[in-house]
Protein backbone atom coordinates (compact mmCIF):
# COMPACT_ATOMS: atom_id res chain seq x y z
CA MET A 1 -52.82 68.39 48.52
CA ASN A 2 -53.32 68.70 52.38
CA ASN A 3 -51.30 71.05 54.51
CA ILE A 4 -49.09 68.17 55.81
CA ASP A 5 -47.52 67.65 52.18
CA ILE A 6 -47.02 71.19 51.67
CA TYR A 7 -45.06 71.48 55.14
CA LYS A 8 -43.24 68.20 54.45
CA GLN A 9 -42.16 69.27 51.18
CA PHE A 10 -40.56 72.57 52.27
CA TYR A 11 -38.70 70.55 55.20
CA MET A 12 -37.48 68.09 52.31
CA LYS A 13 -36.35 71.02 50.19
CA GLU A 14 -34.27 72.78 52.77
CA LEU A 15 -32.59 69.53 53.54
CA ALA A 16 -31.66 69.05 49.71
CA THR A 17 -30.46 72.86 49.54
CA LYS A 18 -28.23 71.83 52.69
CA THR A 19 -26.53 69.16 50.71
CA GLU A 20 -26.66 71.24 47.92
CA LEU A 21 -24.63 73.99 49.75
CA ASN A 22 -22.09 71.31 51.12
CA ASN A 23 -21.26 70.36 47.53
CA ALA A 24 -21.04 73.93 46.41
CA VAL A 25 -17.86 74.57 48.24
CA GLN A 26 -15.81 72.40 46.29
CA MET A 27 -15.33 74.57 43.20
CA PRO A 28 -14.42 77.63 45.13
CA ILE A 29 -11.87 75.55 46.99
CA PHE A 30 -10.18 73.98 43.78
CA LEU A 31 -10.07 77.55 42.39
CA LEU A 32 -8.39 78.97 45.56
CA THR A 33 -5.91 75.77 45.38
CA THR A 34 -5.11 76.75 41.71
CA ILE A 35 -4.35 80.37 42.63
CA ILE A 36 -2.02 79.28 45.36
CA SER A 37 -0.17 76.90 43.33
CA PHE A 38 0.12 79.63 40.40
CA HIS A 39 1.86 82.14 42.59
CA VAL A 40 4.34 79.63 44.39
CA PHE A 41 4.93 78.70 40.56
CA LEU A 42 5.57 82.11 39.61
CA PHE A 43 7.64 83.03 42.59
CA SER A 44 9.91 80.19 41.97
CA LYS A 45 10.41 81.31 38.27
CA LEU A 46 10.98 84.74 38.40
CA THR A 47 13.86 87.24 38.17
CA ASP A 48 14.45 90.18 40.52
CA ARG A 49 12.88 92.78 38.14
CA THR A 50 9.60 91.43 37.56
CA LEU A 51 9.26 90.15 41.28
CA GLU A 52 8.60 93.47 42.41
CA ILE A 53 5.73 93.79 40.36
CA ILE A 54 4.39 90.63 41.00
CA ALA A 55 4.86 90.86 44.66
CA ILE A 56 2.49 93.87 44.88
CA GLU A 57 0.04 91.95 42.91
CA SER A 58 0.34 88.99 45.01
CA ILE A 59 -0.12 90.95 48.01
CA ILE A 60 -3.54 92.24 46.75
CA ASN A 61 -4.46 88.93 45.67
CA PHE A 62 -3.77 87.59 49.27
CA ALA A 63 -6.34 89.88 50.25
CA PHE A 64 -8.91 88.36 48.18
CA LEU A 65 -7.69 85.15 49.18
CA ILE A 66 -8.04 85.67 52.70
CA ARG A 67 -11.68 87.43 52.44
CA SER A 68 -12.74 84.45 50.18
CA LEU A 69 -11.39 81.72 52.87
CA TYR A 70 -13.12 83.89 55.61
CA PHE A 71 -16.63 83.44 53.78
CA LEU A 72 -15.86 79.77 52.93
CA ASN A 73 -15.17 78.96 56.07
CA LYS A 74 -18.37 80.55 57.39
CA SER A 75 -20.34 79.20 54.59
CA TYR A 76 -19.31 75.72 55.38
CA PHE A 77 -18.11 75.65 59.18
CA ASN A 78 -19.96 78.63 60.58
CA LEU A 79 -16.61 79.55 61.84
CA GLY A 80 -15.80 76.56 63.61
CA ASN A 81 -19.22 76.28 65.04
CA ALA A 82 -21.35 73.70 63.63
CA PHE A 83 -24.62 74.82 61.84
CA ASN A 84 -27.58 73.40 64.22
CA TYR A 85 -29.89 72.23 61.59
CA ALA A 86 -33.45 71.60 62.96
CA GLU A 87 -34.93 68.10 62.49
CA THR A 88 -38.32 66.93 63.40
CA ALA A 89 -38.57 64.74 66.57
CA GLY A 90 -37.90 60.97 66.03
CA MET A 91 -40.69 58.53 64.63
CA ASP A 92 -41.17 56.95 68.20
CA ILE A 93 -41.63 60.30 69.72
CA ILE A 94 -44.06 61.14 66.89
CA PHE A 95 -45.86 57.71 67.47
CA GLU A 96 -46.21 58.19 71.26
CA HIS A 97 -47.34 61.60 70.96
CA GLN A 98 -50.06 60.16 68.49
CA ILE A 99 -51.12 57.23 70.87
CA LEU A 100 -51.21 59.73 73.61
CA LEU A 101 -53.46 61.97 71.48
CA GLU A 102 -55.61 58.75 70.45
CA ASN A 103 -56.04 57.81 74.04
CA GLN A 104 -57.41 61.38 74.92
CA ASN A 105 -59.74 61.38 71.85
CA LYS A 106 -57.90 64.31 70.41
CA GLU A 107 -57.08 62.66 67.19
CA THR A 108 -57.77 65.86 65.51
CA HIS A 109 -54.83 67.50 67.23
CA PHE A 110 -52.03 65.34 65.81
CA GLU A 111 -52.05 66.53 62.07
CA PRO A 112 -51.50 70.32 63.38
CA TYR A 113 -48.61 68.89 65.49
CA LEU A 114 -46.95 67.24 62.85
CA GLU A 115 -47.42 70.67 60.52
CA LYS A 116 -45.75 72.31 63.30
CA GLN A 117 -42.97 70.40 63.78
CA LEU A 118 -42.40 70.37 60.06
CA ALA A 119 -43.23 73.85 59.41
CA THR A 120 -40.64 75.21 62.64
CA CYS A 121 -37.86 72.65 61.34
CA ALA A 122 -38.11 74.16 57.82
CA GLY A 123 -38.06 77.95 58.94
CA ILE A 124 -34.87 77.53 60.88
CA ASN A 125 -33.18 75.39 58.13
CA PHE A 126 -34.85 78.00 55.56
CA ASN A 127 -32.79 80.93 57.74
CA LEU A 128 -29.61 78.89 57.94
CA ASN A 129 -29.52 78.13 54.20
CA VAL A 130 -30.07 81.91 53.26
CA GLN A 131 -27.00 82.83 55.33
CA ARG A 132 -24.82 79.99 53.87
CA THR A 133 -25.74 80.86 50.63
CA LYS A 134 -25.25 84.52 50.92
CA ASP A 135 -21.56 83.94 52.59
CA LEU A 136 -20.79 81.32 49.55
CA ALA A 137 -21.58 83.98 47.28
CA LYS A 138 -19.18 86.54 49.06
CA ALA A 139 -16.40 83.80 48.71
CA LYS A 140 -17.39 83.45 45.17
CA LYS A 141 -17.28 87.26 44.65
CA ALA A 142 -13.99 87.59 46.15
CA ILE A 143 -12.49 84.96 43.75
CA PHE A 144 -13.99 86.77 41.16
CA PHE A 145 -12.39 89.84 42.03
CA LYS A 146 -9.11 88.16 42.09
CA PHE A 147 -9.29 86.92 38.78
CA SER A 148 -10.54 90.19 37.19
CA TYR A 149 -8.26 92.44 39.38
CA PRO A 150 -5.27 92.15 37.13
CA LEU A 151 -7.56 92.91 33.93
CA LEU A 152 -8.05 96.51 35.50
CA PRO A 153 -6.80 99.56 34.01
CA VAL A 154 -3.84 101.29 36.13
């Protein structure tokens, strides 16, 4: 296996991870929607006496909900700023660069150029994916605490 194949595999892996992260947001959103629906249902069915107890728990759950939504937003939308994933140059630009090098009798410079393109893009995308994974984990952690909070002894 030559170097260009290694860089190409890293680049393709990071693009696949980007897609996986985009799809991974669906389950936390489903859980948060379920939590909100459950609280709305509870508040519509409660008496005055139990309302106070549930209200206190709901306020704490609301804090976990806000934290989870914050990190979900950060993981998926980067808080309103789109993630700037790096992409390799277009095939036309790469082809023109190859022709230019061939005209200058520097064909051996083409493979390092392509390796640098792939390595740079894969590195940038890797760092973005690591941050997105951390934010998604924080969102899931907040959801877990929301579910485990009522189980804690008082």
